[in-house]
Amino acid sequence: AGKTSLCRAFIRALTENPAQEVPSPSFTLLQTYECRKASIWHYD
């Protein structure tokens, strides 16, 4: 329905990297990313 699509775009915007690889954390359960504001913790 679009959950991961929104997460990918959100993370790319915050990391200021439109090419940022953002795999779905379906199997790892968690992916983290660094940006200027704070770390981003993406759970599935």
PDB file of all heavy atoms in Angstrom:
ATOM      1  N   ALA A   1       0.806  -1.227   0.000  1.00  0.00           N
ATOM      2  CA  ALA A   1       0.000   0.000   0.000  1.00  0.00           C
ATOM      3  C   ALA A   1       0.839   1.278   0.000  1.00  0.00           C
ATOM      4  O   ALA A   1       0.291   2.363  -0.150  1.00  0.00           O
ATOM      5  CB  ALA A   1      -0.956   0.013   1.185  1.00  0.00           C
ATOM      6  N   GLY A   2       2.158   1.185   0.198  1.00  0.00           N
ATOM      7  CA  GLY A   2       2.993   2.378   0.112  1.00  0.00           C
ATOM      8  C   GLY A   2       3.827   2.716   1.328  1.00  0.00           C
ATOM      9  O   GLY A   2       4.506   3.745   1.339  1.00  0.00           O
ATOM     10  N   LYS A   3       3.804   1.877   2.340  1.00  0.00           N
ATOM     11  CA  LYS A   3       4.541   2.175   3.574  1.00  0.00           C
ATOM     12  C   LYS A   3       6.044   2.297   3.304  1.00  0.00           C
ATOM     13  O   LYS A   3       6.667   3.294   3.683  1.00  0.00           O
ATOM     14  CB  LYS A   3       4.278   1.096   4.627  1.00  0.00           C
ATOM     15  CG  LYS A   3       2.831   0.981   5.045  1.00  0.00           C
ATOM     16  CD  LYS A   3       2.606  -0.110   6.085  1.00  0.00           C
ATOM     17  CE  LYS A   3       2.922  -1.504   5.610  1.00  0.00           C
ATOM     18  NZ  LYS A   3       2.047  -2.018   4.549  1.00  0.00           N
ATOM     19  N   THR A   4       6.620   1.299   2.666  1.00  0.00           N
ATOM     20  CA  THR A   4       8.063   1.312   2.417  1.00  0.00           C
ATOM     21  C   THR A   4       8.429   2.407   1.431  1.00  0.00           C
ATOM     22  O   THR A   4       9.479   3.042   1.567  1.00  0.00           O
ATOM     23  CB  THR A   4       8.539  -0.067   1.940  1.00  0.00           C
ATOM     24  OG1 THR A   4       8.197  -1.048   2.937  1.00  0.00           O
ATOM     25  CG2 THR A   4      10.049  -0.094   1.743  1.00  0.00           C
ATOM     26  N   SER A   5       7.593   2.672   0.448  1.00  0.00           N
ATOM     27  CA  SER A   5       7.867   3.758  -0.507  1.00  0.00           C
ATOM     28  C   SER A   5       7.987   5.094   0.215  1.00  0.00           C
ATOM     29  O   SER A   5       8.894   5.888  -0.062  1.00  0.00           O
ATOM     30  CB  SER A   5       6.759   3.840  -1.555  1.00  0.00           C
ATOM     31  OG  SER A   5       6.780   2.713  -2.380  1.00  0.00           O
ATOM     32  N   LEU A   6       7.073   5.350   1.148  1.00  0.00           N
ATOM     33  CA  LEU A   6       7.139   6.595   1.894  1.00  0.00           C
ATOM     34  C   LEU A   6       8.399   6.619   2.763  1.00  0.00           C
ATOM     35  O   LEU A   6       9.094   7.631   2.821  1.00  0.00           O
ATOM     36  CB  LEU A   6       5.905   6.821   2.755  1.00  0.00           C
ATOM     37  CG  LEU A   6       5.927   8.214   3.394  1.00  0.00           C
ATOM     38  CD1 LEU A   6       4.650   8.962   3.107  1.00  0.00           C
ATOM     39  CD2 LEU A   6       6.209   8.140   4.868  1.00  0.00           C
ATOM     40  N   CYS A   7       8.724   5.513   3.403  1.00  0.00           N
ATOM     41  CA  CYS A   7       9.931   5.457   4.240  1.00  0.00           C
ATOM     42  C   CYS A   7      11.182   5.739   3.424  1.00  0.00           C
ATOM     43  O   CYS A   7      12.063   6.491   3.857  1.00  0.00           O
ATOM     44  CB  CYS A   7      10.044   4.098   4.923  1.00  0.00           C
ATOM     45  SG  CYS A   7       8.847   3.842   6.250  1.00  0.00           S
ATOM     46  N   ARG A   8      11.275   5.137   2.237  1.00  0.00           N
ATOM     47  CA  ARG A   8      12.450   5.364   1.383  1.00  0.00           C
ATOM     48  C   ARG A   8      12.599   6.848   1.050  1.00  0.00           C
ATOM     49  O   ARG A   8      13.692   7.416   1.159  1.00  0.00           O
ATOM     50  CB  ARG A   8      12.332   4.563   0.093  1.00  0.00           C
ATOM     51  CG  ARG A   8      12.676   3.133   0.236  1.00  0.00           C
ATOM     52  CD  ARG A   8      12.797   2.422  -1.110  1.00  0.00           C
ATOM     53  NE  ARG A   8      13.160   1.052  -0.845  1.00  0.00           N
ATOM     54  CZ  ARG A   8      12.339   0.022  -1.021  1.00  0.00           C
ATOM     55  NH1 ARG A   8      11.122   0.197  -1.502  1.00  0.00           N
ATOM     56  NH2 ARG A   8      12.748  -1.199  -0.723  1.00  0.00           N
ATOM     57  N   ALA A   9      11.526   7.466   0.631  1.00  0.00           N
ATOM     58  CA  ALA A   9      11.588   8.882   0.267  1.00  0.00           C
ATOM     59  C   ALA A   9      11.897   9.753   1.482  1.00  0.00           C
ATOM     60  O   ALA A   9      12.649  10.734   1.383  1.00  0.00           O
ATOM     61  CB  ALA A   9      10.277   9.304  -0.387  1.00  0.00           C
ATOM     62  N   PHE A  10      11.337   9.425   2.633  1.00  0.00           N
ATOM     63  CA  PHE A  10      11.579  10.153   3.879  1.00  0.00           C
ATOM     64  C   PHE A  10      13.065  10.072   4.251  1.00  0.00           C
ATOM     65  O   PHE A  10      13.703  11.085   4.562  1.00  0.00           O
ATOM     66  CB  PHE A  10      10.708   9.532   4.976  1.00  0.00           C
ATOM     67  CG  PHE A  10      10.787  10.191   6.318  1.00  0.00           C
ATOM     68  CD1 PHE A  10       9.873  11.170   6.682  1.00  0.00           C
ATOM     69  CD2 PHE A  10      11.753   9.806   7.242  1.00  0.00           C
ATOM     70  CE1 PHE A  10       9.926  11.757   7.940  1.00  0.00           C
ATOM     71  CE2 PHE A  10      11.812  10.385   8.496  1.00  0.00           C
ATOM     72  CZ  PHE A  10      10.897  11.374   8.847  1.00  0.00           C
ATOM     73  N   ILE A  11      13.623   8.874   4.209  1.00  0.00           N
ATOM     74  CA  ILE A  11      15.035   8.669   4.570  1.00  0.00           C
ATOM     75  C   ILE A  11      15.943   9.376   3.570  1.00  0.00           C
ATOM     76  O   ILE A  11      16.914  10.036   3.961  1.00  0.00           O
ATOM     77  CB  ILE A  11      15.347   7.164   4.674  1.00  0.00           C
ATOM     78  CG1 ILE A  11      14.624   6.587   5.898  1.00  0.00           C
ATOM     79  CG2 ILE A  11      16.846   6.908   4.731  1.00  0.00           C
ATOM     80  CD1 ILE A  11      14.531   5.070   5.935  1.00  0.00           C
ATOM     81  N   ARG A  12      15.645   9.266   2.296  1.00  0.00           N
ATOM     82  CA  ARG A  12      16.462   9.951   1.282  1.00  0.00           C
ATOM     83  C   ARG A  12      16.414  11.463   1.470  1.00  0.00           C
ATOM     84  O   ARG A  12      17.434  12.146   1.288  1.00  0.00           O
ATOM     85  CB  ARG A  12      15.996   9.547  -0.111  1.00  0.00           C
ATOM     86  CG  ARG A  12      16.394   8.119  -0.449  1.00  0.00           C
ATOM     87  CD  ARG A  12      15.837   7.643  -1.761  1.00  0.00           C
ATOM     88  NE  ARG A  12      16.324   6.287  -2.028  1.00  0.00           N
ATOM     89  CZ  ARG A  12      15.694   5.418  -2.793  1.00  0.00           C
ATOM     90  NH1 ARG A  12      14.543   5.757  -3.395  1.00  0.00           N
ATOM     91  NH2 ARG A  12      16.196   4.210  -2.964  1.00  0.00           N
ATOM     92  N   ALA A  13      15.262  11.992   1.841  1.00  0.00           N
ATOM     93  CA  ALA A  13      15.159  13.435   2.084  1.00  0.00           C
ATOM     94  C   ALA A  13      15.998  13.843   3.291  1.00  0.00           C
ATOM     95  O   ALA A  13      16.727  14.844   3.239  1.00  0.00           O
ATOM     96  CB  ALA A  13      13.699  13.836   2.289  1.00  0.00           C
ATOM     97  N   LEU A  14      15.920  13.087   4.378  1.00  0.00           N
ATOM     98  CA  LEU A  14      16.672  13.456   5.582  1.00  0.00           C
ATOM     99  C   LEU A  14      18.175  13.249   5.433  1.00  0.00           C
ATOM    100  O   LEU A  14      18.961  14.001   6.004  1.00  0.00           O
ATOM    101  CB  LEU A  14      16.163  12.669   6.792  1.00  0.00           C
ATOM    102  CG  LEU A  14      14.952  13.255   7.487  1.00  0.00           C
ATOM    103  CD1 LEU A  14      14.505  12.369   8.636  1.00  0.00           C
ATOM    104  CD2 LEU A  14      15.225  14.659   8.000  1.00  0.00           C
ATOM    105  N   THR A  15      18.589  12.234   4.688  1.00  0.00           N
ATOM    106  CA  THR A  15      20.020  12.017   4.477  1.00  0.00           C
ATOM    107  C   THR A  15      20.559  12.914   3.370  1.00  0.00           C
ATOM    108  O   THR A  15      21.766  12.959   3.150  1.00  0.00           O
ATOM    109  CB  THR A  15      20.330  10.545   4.137  1.00  0.00           C
ATOM    110  OG1 THR A  15      19.661  10.186   2.928  1.00  0.00           O
ATOM    111  CG2 THR A  15      19.951   9.613   5.269  1.00  0.00           C
ATOM    112  N   GLU A  16      19.639  13.633   2.700  1.00  0.00           N
ATOM    113  CA  GLU A  16      19.999  14.520   1.593  1.00  0.00           C
ATOM    114  C   GLU A  16      20.748  13.765   0.510  1.00  0.00           C
ATOM    115  O   GLU A  16      21.675  14.282  -0.112  1.00  0.00           O
ATOM    116  CB  GLU A  16      20.804  15.716   2.104  1.00  0.00           C
ATOM    117  CG  GLU A  16      20.034  16.539   3.129  1.00  0.00           C
ATOM    118  CD  GLU A  16      20.856  17.639   3.770  1.00  0.00           C
ATOM    119  OE1 GLU A  16      21.999  17.895   3.324  1.00  0.00           O
ATOM    120  OE2 GLU A  16      20.356  18.251   4.718  1.00  0.00           O
ATOM    121  N   ASN A  17      20.328  12.520   0.280  1.00  0.00           N
ATOM    122  CA  ASN A  17      20.965  11.667  -0.706  1.00  0.00           C
ATOM    123  C   ASN A  17      19.886  10.932  -1.495  1.00  0.00           C
ATOM    124  O   ASN A  17      19.389   9.893  -1.060  1.00  0.00           O
ATOM    125  CB  ASN A  17      21.897  10.660  -0.015  1.00  0.00           C
ATOM    126  CG  ASN A  17      22.597   9.748  -0.996  1.00  0.00           C
ATOM    127  OD1 ASN A  17      22.382   9.802  -2.198  1.00  0.00           O
ATOM    128  ND2 ASN A  17      23.447   8.882  -0.461  1.00  0.00           N
ATOM    129  N   PRO A  18      19.513  11.458  -2.670  1.00  0.00           N
ATOM    130  CA  PRO A  18      18.456  10.825  -3.449  1.00  0.00           C
ATOM    131  C   PRO A  18      18.810   9.421  -3.935  1.00  0.00           C
ATOM    132  O   PRO A  18      17.927   8.664  -4.327  1.00  0.00           O
ATOM    133  CB  PRO A  18      18.237  11.780  -4.627  1.00  0.00           C
ATOM    134  CG  PRO A  18      19.372  12.722  -4.625  1.00  0.00           C
ATOM    135  CD  PRO A  18      20.012  12.683  -3.272  1.00  0.00           C
ATOM    136  N   ALA A  19      20.092   9.062  -3.889  1.00  0.00           N
ATOM    137  CA  ALA A  19      20.514   7.722  -4.306  1.00  0.00           C
ATOM    138  C   ALA A  19      20.733   6.789  -3.115  1.00  0.00           C
ATOM    139  O   ALA A  19      21.187   5.657  -3.285  1.00  0.00           O
ATOM    140  CB  ALA A  19      21.793   7.816  -5.135  1.00  0.00           C
ATOM    141  N   GLN A  20      20.416   7.267  -1.914  1.00  0.00           N
ATOM    142  CA  GLN A  20      20.612   6.460  -0.696  1.00  0.00           C
ATOM    143  C   GLN A  20      19.940   5.097  -0.857  1.00  0.00           C
ATOM    144  O   GLN A  20      18.771   5.021  -1.188  1.00  0.00           O
ATOM    145  CB  GLN A  20      20.012   7.181   0.509  1.00  0.00           C
ATOM    146  CG  GLN A  20      19.980   6.387   1.798  1.00  0.00           C
ATOM    147  CD  GLN A  20      21.347   6.273   2.435  1.00  0.00           C
ATOM    148  OE1 GLN A  20      22.037   7.263   2.611  1.00  0.00           O
ATOM    149  NE2 GLN A  20      21.755   5.082   2.758  1.00  0.00           N
ATOM    150  N   GLU A  21      20.694   4.036  -0.645  1.00  0.00           N
ATOM    151  CA  GLU A  21      20.102   2.703  -0.684  1.00  0.00           C
ATOM    152  C   GLU A  21      19.275   2.528   0.586  1.00  0.00           C
ATOM    153  O   GLU A  21      19.771   2.732   1.696  1.00  0.00           O
ATOM    154  CB  GLU A  21      21.186   1.629  -0.754  1.00  0.00           C
ATOM    155  CG  GLU A  21      20.626   0.248  -0.920  1.00  0.00           C
ATOM    156  CD  GLU A  21      21.695  -0.808  -1.085  1.00  0.00           C
ATOM    157  OE1 GLU A  21      22.816  -0.471  -1.499  1.00  0.00           O
ATOM    158  OE2 GLU A  21      21.398  -1.967  -0.771  1.00  0.00           O
ATOM    159  N   VAL A  22      18.017   2.165   0.422  1.00  0.00           N
ATOM    160  CA  VAL A  22      17.100   1.992   1.546  1.00  0.00           C
ATOM    161  C   VAL A  22      16.377   0.656   1.372  1.00  0.00           C
ATOM    162  O   VAL A  22      15.262   0.599   0.862  1.00  0.00           O
ATOM    163  CB  VAL A  22      16.085   3.156   1.653  1.00  0.00           C
ATOM    164  CG1 VAL A  22      15.190   2.968   2.884  1.00  0.00           C
ATOM    165  CG2 VAL A  22      16.785   4.502   1.703  1.00  0.00           C
ATOM    166  N   PRO A  23      17.034  -0.424   1.799  1.00  0.00           N
ATOM    167  CA  PRO A  23      16.364  -1.725   1.690  1.00  0.00           C
ATOM    168  C   PRO A  23      15.250  -1.843   2.726  1.00  0.00           C
ATOM    169  O   PRO A  23      15.311  -1.235   3.792  1.00  0.00           O
ATOM    170  CB  PRO A  23      17.486  -2.722   1.975  1.00  0.00           C
ATOM    171  CG  PRO A  23      18.455  -1.970   2.831  1.00  0.00           C
ATOM    172  CD  PRO A  23      18.365  -0.533   2.372  1.00  0.00           C
ATOM    173  N   SER A  24      14.246  -2.602   2.392  1.00  0.00           N
ATOM    174  CA  SER A  24      13.182  -2.864   3.361  1.00  0.00           C
ATOM    175  C   SER A  24      13.765  -3.684   4.500  1.00  0.00           C
ATOM    176  O   SER A  24      14.437  -4.684   4.270  1.00  0.00           O
ATOM    177  CB  SER A  24      12.039  -3.633   2.710  1.00  0.00           C
ATOM    178  OG  SER A  24      11.118  -4.035   3.698  1.00  0.00           O
ATOM    179  N   PRO A  25      13.505  -3.304   5.747  1.00  0.00           N
ATOM    180  CA  PRO A  25      14.024  -4.085   6.873  1.00  0.00           C
ATOM    181  C   PRO A  25      13.125  -5.278   7.249  1.00  0.00           C
ATOM    182  O   PRO A  25      13.075  -5.679   8.395  1.00  0.00           O
ATOM    183  CB  PRO A  25      14.109  -3.054   8.002  1.00  0.00           C
ATOM    184  CG  PRO A  25      13.075  -2.045   7.674  1.00  0.00           C
ATOM    185  CD  PRO A  25      12.966  -2.020   6.170  1.00  0.00           C
ATOM    186  N   SER A  26      12.415  -5.826   6.274  1.00  0.00           N
ATOM    187  CA  SER A  26      11.502  -6.939   6.553  1.00  0.00           C
ATOM    188  C   SER A  26      12.206  -8.121   7.214  1.00  0.00           C
ATOM    189  O   SER A  26      11.642  -8.765   8.089  1.00  0.00           O
ATOM    190  CB  SER A  26      10.826  -7.423   5.275  1.00  0.00           C
ATOM    191  OG  SER A  26       9.966  -6.435   4.787  1.00  0.00           O
ATOM    192  N   PHE A  27      13.430  -8.414   6.801  1.00  0.00           N
ATOM    193  CA  PHE A  27      14.128  -9.570   7.362  1.00  0.00           C
ATOM    194  C   PHE A  27      15.104  -9.178   8.455  1.00  0.00           C
ATOM    195  O   PHE A  27      15.294  -9.920   9.404  1.00  0.00           O
ATOM    196  CB  PHE A  27      14.821 -10.361   6.247  1.00  0.00           C
ATOM    197  CG  PHE A  27      13.823 -11.021   5.346  1.00  0.00           C
ATOM    198  CD1 PHE A  27      13.499 -10.464   4.129  1.00  0.00           C
ATOM    199  CD2 PHE A  27      13.159 -12.168   5.750  1.00  0.00           C
ATOM    200  CE1 PHE A  27      12.545 -11.049   3.311  1.00  0.00           C
ATOM    201  CE2 PHE A  27      12.201 -12.763   4.952  1.00  0.00           C
ATOM    202  CZ  PHE A  27      11.897 -12.208   3.723  1.00  0.00           C
ATOM    203  N   THR A  28      15.717  -7.994   8.342  1.00  0.00           N
ATOM    204  CA  THR A  28      16.645  -7.547   9.381  1.00  0.00           C
ATOM    205  C   THR A  28      15.903  -6.912  10.555  1.00  0.00           C
ATOM    206  O   THR A  28      16.481  -6.752  11.621  1.00  0.00           O
ATOM    207  CB  THR A  28      17.645  -6.522   8.813  1.00  0.00           C
ATOM    208  OG1 THR A  28      16.914  -5.396   8.307  1.00  0.00           O
ATOM    209  CG2 THR A  28      18.501  -7.131   7.713  1.00  0.00           C
ATOM    210  N   LEU A  29      14.657  -6.525  10.351  1.00  0.00           N
ATOM    211  CA  LEU A  29      13.779  -5.873  11.319  1.00  0.00           C
ATOM    212  C   LEU A  29      14.128  -4.410  11.581  1.00  0.00           C
ATOM    213  O   LEU A  29      13.268  -3.623  11.947  1.00  0.00           O
ATOM    214  CB  LEU A  29      13.716  -6.623  12.649  1.00  0.00           C
ATOM    215  CG  LEU A  29      13.298  -8.086  12.579  1.00  0.00           C
ATOM    216  CD1 LEU A  29      13.338  -8.707  13.967  1.00  0.00           C
ATOM    217  CD2 LEU A  29      11.927  -8.234  11.968  1.00  0.00           C
ATOM    218  N   LEU A  30      15.397  -4.028  11.374  1.00  0.00           N
ATOM    219  CA  LEU A  30      15.826  -2.663  11.677  1.00  0.00           C
ATOM    220  C   LEU A  30      16.961  -2.260  10.757  1.00  0.00           C
ATOM    221  O   LEU A  30      17.900  -3.031  10.545  1.00  0.00           O
ATOM    222  CB  LEU A  30      16.292  -2.576  13.135  1.00  0.00           C
ATOM    223  CG  LEU A  30      16.990  -1.295  13.581  1.00  0.00           C
ATOM    224  CD1 LEU A  30      16.062  -0.097  13.501  1.00  0.00           C
ATOM    225  CD2 LEU A  30      17.553  -1.450  14.988  1.00  0.00           C
ATOM    226  N   GLN A  31      16.872  -1.043  10.239  1.00  0.00           N
ATOM    227  CA  GLN A  31      17.966  -0.395   9.514  1.00  0.00           C
ATOM    228  C   GLN A  31      18.130   0.992  10.132  1.00  0.00           C
ATOM    229  O   GLN A  31      17.138   1.632  10.475  1.00  0.00           O
ATOM    230  CB  GLN A  31      17.638  -0.238   8.020  1.00  0.00           C
ATOM    231  CG  GLN A  31      17.487  -1.518   7.259  1.00  0.00           C
ATOM    232  CD  GLN A  31      18.819  -2.182   6.959  1.00  0.00           C
ATOM    233  OE1 GLN A  31      19.881  -1.566   6.978  1.00  0.00           O
ATOM    234  NE2 GLN A  31      18.776  -3.468   6.701  1.00  0.00           N
ATOM    235  N   THR A  32      19.368   1.452  10.261  1.00  0.00           N
ATOM    236  CA  THR A  32      19.601   2.804  10.767  1.00  0.00           C
ATOM    237  C   THR A  32      20.365   3.622   9.727  1.00  0.00           C
ATOM    238  O   THR A  32      21.117   3.072   8.913  1.00  0.00           O
ATOM    239  CB  THR A  32      20.381   2.806  12.098  1.00  0.00           C
ATOM    240  OG1 THR A  32      21.644   2.176  11.900  1.00  0.00           O
ATOM    241  CG2 THR A  32      19.597   2.097  13.183  1.00  0.00           C
ATOM    242  N   TYR A  33      20.149   4.921   9.784  1.00  0.00           N
ATOM    243  CA  TYR A  33      20.761   5.868   8.841  1.00  0.00           C
ATOM    244  C   TYR A  33      21.161   7.109   9.622  1.00  0.00           C
ATOM    245  O   TYR A  33      20.508   7.471  10.596  1.00  0.00           O
ATOM    246  CB  TYR A  33      19.761   6.263   7.744  1.00  0.00           C
ATOM    247  CG  TYR A  33      19.199   5.066   7.018  1.00  0.00           C
ATOM    248  CD1 TYR A  33      18.068   4.423   7.501  1.00  0.00           C
ATOM    249  CD2 TYR A  33      19.815   4.566   5.881  1.00  0.00           C
ATOM    250  CE1 TYR A  33      17.556   3.300   6.860  1.00  0.00           C
ATOM    251  CE2 TYR A  33      19.306   3.448   5.228  1.00  0.00           C
ATOM    252  CZ  TYR A  33      18.175   2.819   5.725  1.00  0.00           C
ATOM    253  OH  TYR A  33      17.683   1.714   5.095  1.00  0.00           O
ATOM    254  N   GLU A  34      22.207   7.756   9.161  1.00  0.00           N
ATOM    255  CA  GLU A  34      22.654   8.990   9.796  1.00  0.00           C
ATOM    256  C   GLU A  34      22.242  10.191   8.950  1.00  0.00           C
ATOM    257  O   GLU A  34      22.307  10.146   7.725  1.00  0.00           O
ATOM    258  CB  GLU A  34      24.173   8.984   9.974  1.00  0.00           C
ATOM    259  CG  GLU A  34      24.679   7.906  10.917  1.00  0.00           C
ATOM    260  CD  GLU A  34      24.110   8.016  12.318  1.00  0.00           C
ATOM    261  OE1 GLU A  34      23.966   9.151  12.827  1.00  0.00           O
ATOM    262  OE2 GLU A  34      23.804   6.966  12.902  1.00  0.00           O
ATOM    263  N   CYS A  35      21.819  11.247   9.627  1.00  0.00           N
ATOM    264  CA  CYS A  35      21.546  12.512   8.956  1.00  0.00           C
ATOM    265  C   CYS A  35      21.928  13.632   9.909  1.00  0.00           C
ATOM    266  O   CYS A  35      22.299  13.373  11.051  1.00  0.00           O
ATOM    267  CB  CYS A  35      20.086  12.607   8.516  1.00  0.00           C
ATOM    268  SG  CYS A  35      18.902  12.774   9.853  1.00  0.00           S
ATOM    269  N   ARG A  36      21.843  14.870   9.448  1.00  0.00           N
ATOM    270  CA  ARG A  36      22.252  15.998  10.288  1.00  0.00           C
ATOM    271  C   ARG A  36      21.394  16.149  11.534  1.00  0.00           C
ATOM    272  O   ARG A  36      21.883  16.524  12.589  1.00  0.00           O
ATOM    273  CB  ARG A  36      22.221  17.296   9.491  1.00  0.00           C
ATOM    274  CG  ARG A  36      23.434  17.445   8.608  1.00  0.00           C
ATOM    275  CD  ARG A  36      23.542  18.824   8.061  1.00  0.00           C
ATOM    276  NE  ARG A  36      22.807  18.890   6.805  1.00  0.00           N
ATOM    277  CZ  ARG A  36      22.414  20.002   6.238  1.00  0.00           C
ATOM    278  NH1 ARG A  36      22.623  21.151   6.817  1.00  0.00           N
ATOM    279  NH2 ARG A  36      21.775  19.970   5.090  1.00  0.00           N
ATOM    280  N   LYS A  37      20.109  15.871  11.436  1.00  0.00           N
ATOM    281  CA  LYS A  37      19.194  16.069  12.575  1.00  0.00           C
ATOM    282  C   LYS A  37      19.380  15.034  13.671  1.00  0.00           C
ATOM    283  O   LYS A  37      19.325  15.357  14.853  1.00  0.00           O
ATOM    284  CB  LYS A  37      17.741  16.017  12.106  1.00  0.00           C
ATOM    285  CG  LYS A  37      17.298  17.196  11.291  1.00  0.00           C
ATOM    286  CD  LYS A  37      15.821  17.070  10.958  1.00  0.00           C
ATOM    287  CE  LYS A  37      15.337  18.208  10.125  1.00  0.00           C
ATOM    288  NZ  LYS A  37      13.887  18.113   9.857  1.00  0.00           N
ATOM    289  N   ALA A  38      19.535  13.784  13.279  1.00  0.00           N
ATOM    290  CA  ALA A  38      19.618  12.672  14.233  1.00  0.00           C
ATOM    291  C   ALA A  38      19.767  11.390  13.429  1.00  0.00           C
ATOM    292  O   ALA A  38      19.694  11.404  12.204  1.00  0.00           O
ATOM    293  CB  ALA A  38      18.346  12.592  15.083  1.00  0.00           C
ATOM    294  N   SER A  39      19.921  10.291  14.117  1.00  0.00           N
ATOM    295  CA  SER A  39      19.861   8.996  13.436  1.00  0.00           C
ATOM    296  C   SER A  39      18.404   8.710  13.095  1.00  0.00           C
ATOM    297  O   SER A  39      17.488   9.161  13.782  1.00  0.00           O
ATOM    298  CB  SER A  39      20.390   7.883  14.334  1.00  0.00           C
ATOM    299  OG  SER A  39      21.753   8.065  14.593  1.00  0.00           O
ATOM    300  N   ILE A  40      18.210   7.943  12.033  1.00  0.00           N
ATOM    301  CA  ILE A  40      16.876   7.479  11.648  1.00  0.00           C
ATOM    302  C   ILE A  40      16.860   5.978  11.887  1.00  0.00           C
ATOM    303  O   ILE A  40      17.736   5.258  11.399  1.00  0.00           O
ATOM    304  CB  ILE A  40      16.587   7.769  10.159  1.00  0.00           C
ATOM    305  CG1 ILE A  40      16.836   9.236   9.828  1.00  0.00           C
ATOM    306  CG2 ILE A  40      15.166   7.330   9.813  1.00  0.00           C
ATOM    307  CD1 ILE A  40      17.007   9.501   8.343  1.00  0.00           C
ATOM    308  N   TRP A  41      15.889   5.519  12.651  1.00  0.00           N
ATOM    309  CA  TRP A  41      15.737   4.094  12.944  1.00  0.00           C
ATOM    310  C   TRP A  41      14.482   3.620  12.219  1.00  0.00           C
ATOM    311  O   TRP A  41      13.376   4.070  12.538  1.00  0.00           O
ATOM    312  CB  TRP A  41      15.617   3.858  14.449  1.00  0.00           C
ATOM    313  CG  TRP A  41      16.868   4.188  15.210  1.00  0.00           C
ATOM    314  CD1 TRP A  41      17.598   5.338  15.168  1.00  0.00           C
ATOM    315  CD2 TRP A  41      17.537   3.339  16.143  1.00  0.00           C
ATOM    316  NE1 TRP A  41      18.658   5.270  16.025  1.00  0.00           N
ATOM    317  CE2 TRP A  41      18.650   4.050  16.634  1.00  0.00           C
ATOM    318  CE3 TRP A  41      17.283   2.058  16.624  1.00  0.00           C
ATOM    319  CZ2 TRP A  41      19.522   3.517  17.565  1.00  0.00           C
ATOM    320  CZ3 TRP A  41      18.153   1.528  17.561  1.00  0.00           C
ATOM    321  CH2 TRP A  41      19.265   2.244  18.020  1.00  0.00           C
ATOM    322  N   HIS A  42      14.656   2.732  11.246  1.00  0.00           N
ATOM    323  CA  HIS A  42      13.552   2.248  10.414  1.00  0.00           C
ATOM    324  C   HIS A  42      13.275   0.791  10.767  1.00  0.00           C
ATOM    325  O   HIS A  42      14.064  -0.096  10.463  1.00  0.00           O
ATOM    326  CB  HIS A  42      13.926   2.402   8.938  1.00  0.00           C
ATOM    327  CG  HIS A  42      12.890   1.919   7.985  1.00  0.00           C
ATOM    328  ND1 HIS A  42      13.184   1.666   6.668  1.00  0.00           N
ATOM    329  CD2 HIS A  42      11.568   1.641   8.124  1.00  0.00           C
ATOM    330  CE1 HIS A  42      12.087   1.253   6.050  1.00  0.00           C
ATOM    331  NE2 HIS A  42      11.107   1.226   6.913  1.00  0.00           N
ATOM    332  N   TYR A  43      12.143   0.575  11.409  1.00  0.00           N
ATOM    333  CA  TYR A  43      11.723  -0.767  11.820  1.00  0.00           C
ATOM    334  C   TYR A  43      10.653  -1.301  10.873  1.00  0.00           C
ATOM    335  O   TYR A  43       9.779  -0.551  10.434  1.00  0.00           O
ATOM    336  CB  TYR A  43      11.091  -0.740  13.222  1.00  0.00           C
ATOM    337  CG  TYR A  43      12.036  -0.501  14.355  1.00  0.00           C
ATOM    338  CD1 TYR A  43      12.304   0.787  14.807  1.00  0.00           C
ATOM    339  CD2 TYR A  43      12.642  -1.566  15.017  1.00  0.00           C
ATOM    340  CE1 TYR A  43      13.152   1.017  15.877  1.00  0.00           C
ATOM    341  CE2 TYR A  43      13.486  -1.347  16.088  1.00  0.00           C
ATOM    342  CZ  TYR A  43      13.744  -0.059  16.512  1.00  0.00           C
ATOM    343  OH  TYR A  43      14.583   0.151  17.584  1.00  0.00           O
ATOM    344  N   ASP A  44      10.705  -2.594  10.604  1.00  0.00           N
ATOM    345  CA  ASP A  44       9.611  -3.311   9.947  1.00  0.00           C
ATOM    346  C   ASP A  44       9.278  -4.479  10.862  1.00  0.00           C
ATOM    347  O   ASP A  44      10.062  -5.418  10.997  1.00  0.00           O
ATOM    348  CB  ASP A  44      10.021  -3.805   8.562  1.00  0.00           C
ATOM    349  CG  ASP A  44       8.878  -4.457   7.806  1.00  0.00           C
ATOM    350  OD1 ASP A  44       8.013  -5.089   8.462  1.00  0.00           O
ATOM    351  OD2 ASP A  44       8.852  -4.374   6.574  1.00  0.00           O
TER     352      ASP A  44
END
